[in-house]
Amino acid sequence: MSAHSSGETSRPESDKSRVLEFACIRCGASYPADVSIDSKGCARCQETAPANLRPVYSDPNPHPLESATTSRSLWRFAPMLPCTEAEAV
């Protein structure tokens, strides 16, 4: 599948290495990990209704959470987030 040409955004480098591919949440279509994603989502579902693409990670749970040693903030999920704390807005 080809990338959309307008409104494309890039994912942070930290995320790209863990993403194997992207999959449509509606129809299941697969897209390569290097595809640029825009607000239109899945190209197959575009004419019916927009559908988001979800990342398929190489290791969906790279670091199990240890509740006794982790903070209670969002960053306790850092290994599973698509950006680093430094890249966050």
Foldseek 3Di string as FASTA:
>chain_A
DAADDPQWDDFDPVQLVFFQWKAWPPPGDTGGSGHTHHQQADPVCNVVHRTHIDTDTPDQPPDDQDVVPADPDPCSCQVNDRDHPVPDD
